[in-house]
Amino acid sequence: MKHSGRAIKAALKLILFSLIAVGVILAIGVFAVVAGTFVLASVSVLIALWILFALFTLYFFRDPNARVPTGANLALSPGHGKVDVIDTITEPLFMGGQCQRISIFLSVIDIHVQNAPVSGKVVFFKYSVGQFLSALKTECVTCNENVLLGFEASEPRGEKIGVRLLAGLIARRIVPFVQQGDEVTRGDRISLIQFGSRAEVYLPMRARIKVKLNDHVVGGETVVAVFE
């Protein structure tokens, strides 16, 4: 599948940077030993903390292949997490008015790679700067840094589906894998949000929602709506 391995590359980059930082601290510690003030036990603690960080980072950036369901006119969850909002809103930038919204909270133990909800083309891409409020708060949608992706589906042809990726209190980086004009297949990897966040999917009013509040959905696998 497209963009396989990009999440683990991001994890390895973070681990490398942290290792460099540990090396600098240990180098300072060696100087402190010479000065007679360095405690050897602190080296073991520092190394142990780095190992724990490295293991957590590898776990956090895990990225299994989605088991994409077959079937016509399906819209899949773009993210992994808990559905905590299902409502109707006005989204003027891409949807052009009233639409249905499914909002998914991604905790730090969820997978943070996002997937294309439909096959089609990315016809809209907008990055907006903002704050980093807790993603647990629904008001973060209007305040936080975010990326809005608009998909024109190939099935049903021409149907609009929007996905908004939101940074959170800990999540400070959204890494899109796609740009405007890219073609995607249902379930393709489309982005990565680092360390806790929220993903929303915007659907036309005629779409029939197939999930309910507090459902745990799987990106690229769970059917969130069907077009009839």
C-alpha atoms as a PDB file:
ATOM      1  CA  MET A   1       0.000   0.000   0.000  1.00  0.00           C
ATOM      2  CA  LYS A   2       1.089   3.607  -0.566  1.00  0.00           C
ATOM      3  CA  HIS A   3       3.284   5.330   2.026  1.00  0.00           C
ATOM      4  CA  SER A   4       4.049   2.139   3.928  1.00  0.00           C
ATOM      5  CA  GLY A   5       6.966   2.672   6.298  1.00  0.00           C
ATOM      6  CA  ARG A   6       6.678   6.461   6.610  1.00  0.00           C
ATOM      7  CA  ALA A   7       5.467   6.265  10.206  1.00  0.00           C
ATOM      8  CA  ILE A   8       8.368   4.053  11.303  1.00  0.00           C
ATOM      9  CA  LYS A   9      10.798   6.437   9.587  1.00  0.00           C
ATOM     10  CA  ALA A  10       9.348   9.263  11.672  1.00  0.00           C
ATOM     11  CA  ALA A  11       9.777   7.119  14.793  1.00  0.00           C
ATOM     12  CA  LEU A  12      13.410   6.325  13.982  1.00  0.00           C
ATOM     13  CA  LYS A  13      14.116  10.007  13.385  1.00  0.00           C
ATOM     14  CA  LEU A  14      12.775  10.888  16.841  1.00  0.00           C
ATOM     15  CA  ILE A  15      14.764   8.059  18.421  1.00  0.00           C
ATOM     16  CA  LEU A  16      17.932   9.253  16.655  1.00  0.00           C
ATOM     17  CA  PHE A  17      17.458  12.828  17.849  1.00  0.00           C
ATOM     18  CA  SER A  18      16.859  11.614  21.410  1.00  0.00           C
ATOM     19  CA  LEU A  19      19.976   9.423  21.211  1.00  0.00           C
ATOM     20  CA  ILE A  20      22.040  12.425  20.146  1.00  0.00           C
ATOM     21  CA  ALA A  21      20.639  14.370  23.103  1.00  0.00           C
ATOM     22  CA  VAL A  22      21.542  11.507  25.449  1.00  0.00           C
ATOM     23  CA  GLY A  23      25.047  11.432  23.968  1.00  0.00           C
ATOM     24  CA  VAL A  24      25.489  15.140  24.629  1.00  0.00           C
ATOM     25  CA  ILE A  25      24.321  14.724  28.216  1.00  0.00           C
ATOM     26  CA  LEU A  26      26.686  11.778  28.740  1.00  0.00           C
ATOM     27  CA  ALA A  27      29.561  13.789  27.268  1.00  0.00           C
ATOM     28  CA  ILE A  28      28.837  16.520  29.786  1.00  0.00           C
ATOM     29  CA  GLY A  29      28.719  13.794  32.436  1.00  0.00           C
ATOM     30  CA  VAL A  30      32.188  12.564  31.482  1.00  0.00           C
ATOM     31  CA  PHE A  31      33.470  16.081  32.028  1.00  0.00           C
ATOM     32  CA  ALA A  32      31.705  16.113  35.380  1.00  0.00           C
ATOM     33  CA  VAL A  33      33.449  12.876  36.349  1.00  0.00           C
ATOM     34  CA  VAL A  34      36.758  14.553  35.733  1.00  0.00           C
ATOM     35  CA  ALA A  35      35.559  17.395  37.910  1.00  0.00           C
ATOM     36  CA  GLY A  36      34.631  14.854  40.601  1.00  0.00           C
ATOM     37  CA  THR A  37      30.905  15.625  40.756  1.00  0.00           C
ATOM     38  CA  PHE A  38      29.334  13.061  38.445  1.00  0.00           C
ATOM     39  CA  VAL A  39      27.297  10.189  39.948  1.00  0.00           C
ATOM     40  CA  LEU A  40      27.658   6.975  37.912  1.00  0.00           C
ATOM     41  CA  ALA A  41      24.142   5.796  38.774  1.00  0.00           C
ATOM     42  CA  SER A  42      22.662   8.698  36.819  1.00  0.00           C
ATOM     43  CA  VAL A  43      24.134   7.229  33.606  1.00  0.00           C
ATOM     44  CA  SER A  44      22.150   4.012  34.094  1.00  0.00           C
ATOM     45  CA  VAL A  45      18.966   5.958  34.798  1.00  0.00           C
ATOM     46  CA  LEU A  46      19.425   8.103  31.708  1.00  0.00           C
ATOM     47  CA  ILE A  47      20.047   5.093  29.457  1.00  0.00           C
ATOM     48  CA  ALA A  48      17.052   3.263  30.940  1.00  0.00           C
ATOM     49  CA  LEU A  49      14.815   6.273  30.294  1.00  0.00           C
ATOM     50  CA  TRP A  50      16.034   6.503  26.708  1.00  0.00           C
ATOM     51  CA  ILE A  51      15.325   2.796  26.125  1.00  0.00           C
ATOM     52  CA  LEU A  52      11.778   3.253  27.483  1.00  0.00           C
ATOM     53  CA  PHE A  53      11.284   6.289  25.239  1.00  0.00           C
ATOM     54  CA  ALA A  54      12.558   4.384  22.198  1.00  0.00           C
ATOM     55  CA  LEU A  55      10.265   1.410  22.889  1.00  0.00           C
ATOM     56  CA  PHE A  56       7.234   3.686  23.418  1.00  0.00           C
ATOM     57  CA  THR A  57       7.997   5.622  20.236  1.00  0.00           C
ATOM     58  CA  LEU A  58       8.214   2.426  18.167  1.00  0.00           C
ATOM     59  CA  TYR A  59       4.908   1.281  19.673  1.00  0.00           C
ATOM     60  CA  PHE A  60       3.224   4.638  19.098  1.00  0.00           C
ATOM     61  CA  PHE A  61       4.272   4.825  15.440  1.00  0.00           C
ATOM     62  CA  ARG A  62       3.167   1.268  14.621  1.00  0.00           C
ATOM     63  CA  ASP A  63       1.436   1.111  11.256  1.00  0.00           C
ATOM     64  CA  PRO A  64      -0.201  -2.204  10.305  1.00  0.00           C
ATOM     65  CA  ASN A  65      -1.712  -2.657   6.845  1.00  0.00           C
ATOM     66  CA  ALA A  66      -5.439  -1.981   6.850  1.00  0.00           C
ATOM     67  CA  ARG A  67      -7.749  -4.873   6.027  1.00  0.00           C
ATOM     68  CA  VAL A  68      -9.859  -2.819   3.642  1.00  0.00           C
ATOM     69  CA  PRO A  69     -13.433  -4.116   3.281  1.00  0.00           C
ATOM     70  CA  THR A  70     -14.926  -4.764  -0.136  1.00  0.00           C
ATOM     71  CA  GLY A  71     -18.284  -3.472  -1.237  1.00  0.00           C
ATOM     72  CA  ALA A  72     -19.853  -0.612  -3.142  1.00  0.00           C
ATOM     73  CA  ASN A  73     -20.516   2.927  -1.924  1.00  0.00           C
ATOM     74  CA  LEU A  74     -18.741   2.627   1.428  1.00  0.00           C
ATOM     75  CA  ALA A  75     -17.056   5.356   3.457  1.00  0.00           C
ATOM     76  CA  LEU A  76     -14.404   4.137   5.893  1.00  0.00           C
ATOM     77  CA  SER A  77     -13.099   5.636   9.087  1.00  0.00           C
ATOM     78  CA  PRO A  78     -10.071   7.853   8.402  1.00  0.00           C
ATOM     79  CA  GLY A  79      -8.689   7.332  11.907  1.00  0.00           C
ATOM     80  CA  HIS A  80      -8.227   4.849  14.738  1.00  0.00           C
ATOM     81  CA  GLY A  81      -9.982   5.795  17.957  1.00  0.00           C
ATOM     82  CA  LYS A  82     -13.287   6.417  19.737  1.00  0.00           C
ATOM     83  CA  VAL A  83     -16.282   8.082  18.111  1.00  0.00           C
ATOM     84  CA  ASP A  84     -17.302  10.810  20.535  1.00  0.00           C
ATOM     85  CA  VAL A  85     -19.307  13.168  18.303  1.00  0.00           C
ATOM     86  CA  ILE A  86     -21.926  12.458  15.629  1.00  0.00           C
ATOM     87  CA  ASP A  87     -23.830  15.547  14.551  1.00  0.00           C
ATOM     88  CA  THR A  88     -24.758  17.917  11.745  1.00  0.00           C
ATOM     89  CA  ILE A  89     -22.645  21.005  11.102  1.00  0.00           C
ATOM     90  CA  THR A  90     -22.004  23.630   8.451  1.00  0.00           C
ATOM     91  CA  GLU A  91     -18.640  23.200   6.720  1.00  0.00           C
ATOM     92  CA  PRO A  92     -18.293  25.999   4.136  1.00  0.00           C
ATOM     93  CA  LEU A  93     -14.730  25.507   2.862  1.00  0.00           C
ATOM     94  CA  PHE A  94     -15.107  22.174   1.092  1.00  0.00           C
ATOM     95  CA  MET A  95     -18.511  20.638   1.764  1.00  0.00           C
ATOM     96  CA  GLY A  96     -20.151  23.964   0.919  1.00  0.00           C
ATOM     97  CA  GLY A  97     -22.806  23.909   3.609  1.00  0.00           C
ATOM     98  CA  GLN A  98     -24.597  21.494   5.891  1.00  0.00           C
ATOM     99  CA  CYS A  99     -23.108  18.038   6.320  1.00  0.00           C
ATOM    100  CA  GLN A 100     -22.862  15.170   8.772  1.00  0.00           C
ATOM    101  CA  ARG A 101     -19.825  14.972  11.033  1.00  0.00           C
ATOM    102  CA  ILE A 102     -18.232  11.985  12.749  1.00  0.00           C
ATOM    103  CA  SER A 103     -15.463  13.025  15.134  1.00  0.00           C
ATOM    104  CA  ILE A 104     -12.894  10.496  16.370  1.00  0.00           C
ATOM    105  CA  PHE A 105     -10.610  11.002  19.361  1.00  0.00           C
ATOM    106  CA  LEU A 106      -7.191   9.354  19.023  1.00  0.00           C
ATOM    107  CA  SER A 107      -5.633   8.611  22.410  1.00  0.00           C
ATOM    108  CA  VAL A 108      -1.884   8.108  22.852  1.00  0.00           C
ATOM    109  CA  ILE A 109      -2.365   4.330  22.704  1.00  0.00           C
ATOM    110  CA  ASP A 110      -4.196   4.408  19.352  1.00  0.00           C
ATOM    111  CA  ILE A 111      -2.554   4.112  15.928  1.00  0.00           C
ATOM    112  CA  HIS A 112      -1.904   7.593  14.550  1.00  0.00           C
ATOM    113  CA  VAL A 113      -1.681   6.948  10.814  1.00  0.00           C
ATOM    114  CA  GLN A 114      -4.826   8.043   8.939  1.00  0.00           C
ATOM    115  CA  ASN A 115      -6.426   6.340   5.930  1.00  0.00           C
ATOM    116  CA  ALA A 116      -8.426   7.443   2.896  1.00  0.00           C
ATOM    117  CA  PRO A 117     -12.160   6.977   3.537  1.00  0.00           C
ATOM    118  CA  VAL A 118     -12.950   6.497  -0.168  1.00  0.00           C
ATOM    119  CA  SER A 119     -11.247   5.943  -3.497  1.00  0.00           C
ATOM    120  CA  GLY A 120     -10.969   9.048  -5.618  1.00  0.00           C
ATOM    121  CA  LYS A 121      -9.002  12.269  -5.866  1.00  0.00           C
ATOM    122  CA  VAL A 122      -7.768  14.809  -3.330  1.00  0.00           C
ATOM    123  CA  VAL A 123      -9.364  17.975  -4.711  1.00  0.00           C
ATOM    124  CA  PHE A 124      -8.963  20.236  -1.669  1.00  0.00           C
ATOM    125  CA  PHE A 125      -6.088  20.796   0.764  1.00  0.00           C
ATOM    126  CA  LYS A 126      -5.963  23.546   3.378  1.00  0.00           C
ATOM    127  CA  TYR A 127      -3.571  23.898   6.321  1.00  0.00           C
ATOM    128  CA  SER A 128      -4.646  26.259   9.110  1.00  0.00           C
ATOM    129  CA  VAL A 129      -2.447  27.444  11.955  1.00  0.00           C
ATOM    130  CA  GLY A 130      -3.929  27.479  15.434  1.00  0.00           C
ATOM    131  CA  GLN A 131      -3.632  26.581  19.083  1.00  0.00           C
ATOM    132  CA  PHE A 132      -2.872  23.233  20.706  1.00  0.00           C
ATOM    133  CA  LEU A 133      -5.847  22.731  23.012  1.00  0.00           C
ATOM    134  CA  SER A 134      -6.534  19.260  24.362  1.00  0.00           C
ATOM    135  CA  ALA A 135      -8.061  17.074  21.630  1.00  0.00           C
ATOM    136  CA  LEU A 136     -10.502  15.841  24.299  1.00  0.00           C
ATOM    137  CA  LYS A 137     -12.271  19.195  24.018  1.00  0.00           C
ATOM    138  CA  THR A 138     -14.647  19.483  21.071  1.00  0.00           C
ATOM    139  CA  GLU A 139     -13.930  23.230  20.807  1.00  0.00           C
ATOM    140  CA  CYS A 140     -10.423  22.347  19.605  1.00  0.00           C
ATOM    141  CA  VAL A 141     -11.992  21.846  16.154  1.00  0.00           C
ATOM    142  CA  THR A 142     -12.421  25.596  15.678  1.00  0.00           C
ATOM    143  CA  CYS A 143      -9.214  26.666  17.453  1.00  0.00           C
ATOM    144  CA  ASN A 144      -6.468  24.109  16.865  1.00  0.00           C
ATOM    145  CA  GLU A 145      -3.916  23.721  14.100  1.00  0.00           C
ATOM    146  CA  ASN A 146      -5.489  21.502  11.464  1.00  0.00           C
ATOM    147  CA  VAL A 147      -5.431  20.207   7.896  1.00  0.00           C
ATOM    148  CA  LEU A 148      -8.647  19.864   5.897  1.00  0.00           C
ATOM    149  CA  LEU A 149      -8.569  17.339   3.047  1.00  0.00           C
ATOM    150  CA  GLY A 150     -11.365  17.148   0.486  1.00  0.00           C
ATOM    151  CA  PHE A 151     -11.954  13.951  -1.499  1.00  0.00           C
ATOM    152  CA  GLU A 152     -13.995  13.610  -4.670  1.00  0.00           C
ATOM    153  CA  ALA A 153     -15.063   9.985  -4.602  1.00  0.00           C
ATOM    154  CA  SER A 154     -14.982   7.696  -7.605  1.00  0.00           C
ATOM    155  CA  GLU A 155     -17.756   5.661  -5.948  1.00  0.00           C
ATOM    156  CA  PRO A 156     -20.327   7.131  -5.772  1.00  0.00           C
ATOM    157  CA  ARG A 157     -18.808   9.251  -8.540  1.00  0.00           C
ATOM    158  CA  GLY A 158     -18.357  12.913  -7.638  1.00  0.00           C
ATOM    159  CA  GLU A 159     -19.498  12.564  -4.010  1.00  0.00           C
ATOM    160  CA  LYS A 160     -17.688  14.892  -1.589  1.00  0.00           C
ATOM    161  CA  ILE A 161     -16.109  13.547   1.626  1.00  0.00           C
ATOM    162  CA  GLY A 162     -14.001  15.757   3.883  1.00  0.00           C
ATOM    163  CA  VAL A 163     -11.408  14.737   6.471  1.00  0.00           C
ATOM    164  CA  ARG A 164     -10.062  17.178   9.048  1.00  0.00           C
ATOM    165  CA  LEU A 165      -6.849  16.303  10.906  1.00  0.00           C
ATOM    166  CA  LEU A 166      -6.407  18.133  14.211  1.00  0.00           C
ATOM    167  CA  ALA A 167      -3.342  18.600  16.385  1.00  0.00           C
ATOM    168  CA  GLY A 168      -3.840  18.348  20.145  1.00  0.00           C
ATOM    169  CA  LEU A 169      -2.203  19.283  23.433  1.00  0.00           C
ATOM    170  CA  ILE A 170       0.643  16.803  22.917  1.00  0.00           C
ATOM    171  CA  ALA A 171       0.336  16.343  19.166  1.00  0.00           C
ATOM    172  CA  ARG A 172       2.307  19.208  17.647  1.00  0.00           C
ATOM    173  CA  ARG A 173       2.839  17.965  14.122  1.00  0.00           C
ATOM    174  CA  ILE A 174       0.517  16.870  11.328  1.00  0.00           C
ATOM    175  CA  VAL A 175       2.348  15.083   8.508  1.00  0.00           C
ATOM    176  CA  PRO A 176       0.187  14.789   5.358  1.00  0.00           C
ATOM    177  CA  PHE A 177       1.207  12.054   2.926  1.00  0.00           C
ATOM    178  CA  VAL A 178      -1.001  13.436   0.128  1.00  0.00           C
ATOM    179  CA  GLN A 179      -1.449  16.748  -1.635  1.00  0.00           C
ATOM    180  CA  GLN A 180      -4.139  18.306  -3.784  1.00  0.00           C
ATOM    181  CA  GLY A 181      -4.412  16.460  -7.084  1.00  0.00           C
ATOM    182  CA  ASP A 182      -3.301  13.057  -5.751  1.00  0.00           C
ATOM    183  CA  GLU A 183      -5.318   9.948  -6.550  1.00  0.00           C
ATOM    184  CA  VAL A 184      -6.058   7.631  -3.611  1.00  0.00           C
ATOM    185  CA  THR A 185      -7.539   4.197  -3.120  1.00  0.00           C
ATOM    186  CA  ARG A 186      -9.866   3.414  -0.236  1.00  0.00           C
ATOM    187  CA  GLY A 187      -7.738   2.574   2.819  1.00  0.00           C
ATOM    188  CA  ASP A 188      -4.512   4.196   1.547  1.00  0.00           C
ATOM    189  CA  ARG A 189      -2.372   5.912   4.155  1.00  0.00           C
ATOM    190  CA  ILE A 190      -2.924   9.669   3.884  1.00  0.00           C
ATOM    191  CA  SER A 191      -1.284  11.222   6.969  1.00  0.00           C
ATOM    192  CA  LEU A 192       0.302  10.912  10.389  1.00  0.00           C
ATOM    193  CA  ILE A 193      -0.490  12.946  13.505  1.00  0.00           C
ATOM    194  CA  GLN A 194       2.114  12.648  16.233  1.00  0.00           C
ATOM    195  CA  PHE A 195       1.190  11.960  19.891  1.00  0.00           C
ATOM    196  CA  GLY A 196      -2.559  12.231  20.505  1.00  0.00           C
ATOM    197  CA  SER A 197      -5.066  14.042  18.328  1.00  0.00           C
ATOM    198  CA  ARG A 198      -8.475  14.051  16.607  1.00  0.00           C
ATOM    199  CA  ALA A 199      -9.742  13.186  13.123  1.00  0.00           C
ATOM    200  CA  GLU A 200     -13.114  14.118  11.675  1.00  0.00           C
ATOM    201  CA  VAL A 201     -14.956  12.932   8.586  1.00  0.00           C
ATOM    202  CA  TYR A 202     -17.574  15.112   6.871  1.00  0.00           C
ATOM    203  CA  LEU A 203     -20.283  13.352   4.882  1.00  0.00           C
ATOM    204  CA  PRO A 204     -23.162  14.496   2.656  1.00  0.00           C
ATOM    205  CA  MET A 205     -26.585  14.509   4.267  1.00  0.00           C
ATOM    206  CA  ARG A 206     -27.713  11.531   2.166  1.00  0.00           C
ATOM    207  CA  ALA A 207     -25.025   9.243   3.609  1.00  0.00           C
ATOM    208  CA  ARG A 208     -26.348   6.732   6.150  1.00  0.00           C
ATOM    209  CA  ILE A 209     -24.211   6.621   9.297  1.00  0.00           C
ATOM    210  CA  LYS A 210     -23.252   3.091  10.373  1.00  0.00           C
ATOM    211  CA  VAL A 211     -21.450   3.816  13.668  1.00  0.00           C
ATOM    212  CA  LYS A 212     -22.664   5.120  17.005  1.00  0.00           C
ATOM    213  CA  LEU A 213     -21.222   7.107  19.882  1.00  0.00           C
ATOM    214  CA  ASN A 214     -18.407   5.424  21.837  1.00  0.00           C
ATOM    215  CA  ASP A 215     -17.693   2.908  19.064  1.00  0.00           C
ATOM    216  CA  HIS A 216     -13.989   2.189  18.618  1.00  0.00           C
ATOM    217  CA  VAL A 217     -13.210   2.481  14.916  1.00  0.00           C
ATOM    218  CA  VAL A 218     -10.220   1.268  12.906  1.00  0.00           C
ATOM    219  CA  GLY A 219      -8.769   3.473  10.194  1.00  0.00           C
ATOM    220  CA  GLY A 220      -9.177   2.016   6.710  1.00  0.00           C
ATOM    221  CA  GLU A 221     -11.320  -0.841   8.020  1.00  0.00           C
ATOM    222  CA  THR A 222     -14.433   0.298   9.876  1.00  0.00           C
ATOM    223  CA  VAL A 223     -17.365   1.314   7.646  1.00  0.00           C
ATOM    224  CA  VAL A 224     -18.676   4.592   9.074  1.00  0.00           C
ATOM    225  CA  ALA A 225     -21.285   5.300   6.402  1.00  0.00           C
ATOM    226  CA  VAL A 226     -22.872   3.974   3.209  1.00  0.00           C
ATOM    227  CA  PHE A 227     -24.356   5.802   0.231  1.00  0.00           C
ATOM    228  CA  GLU A 228     -27.703   4.409  -0.877  1.00  0.00           C
END
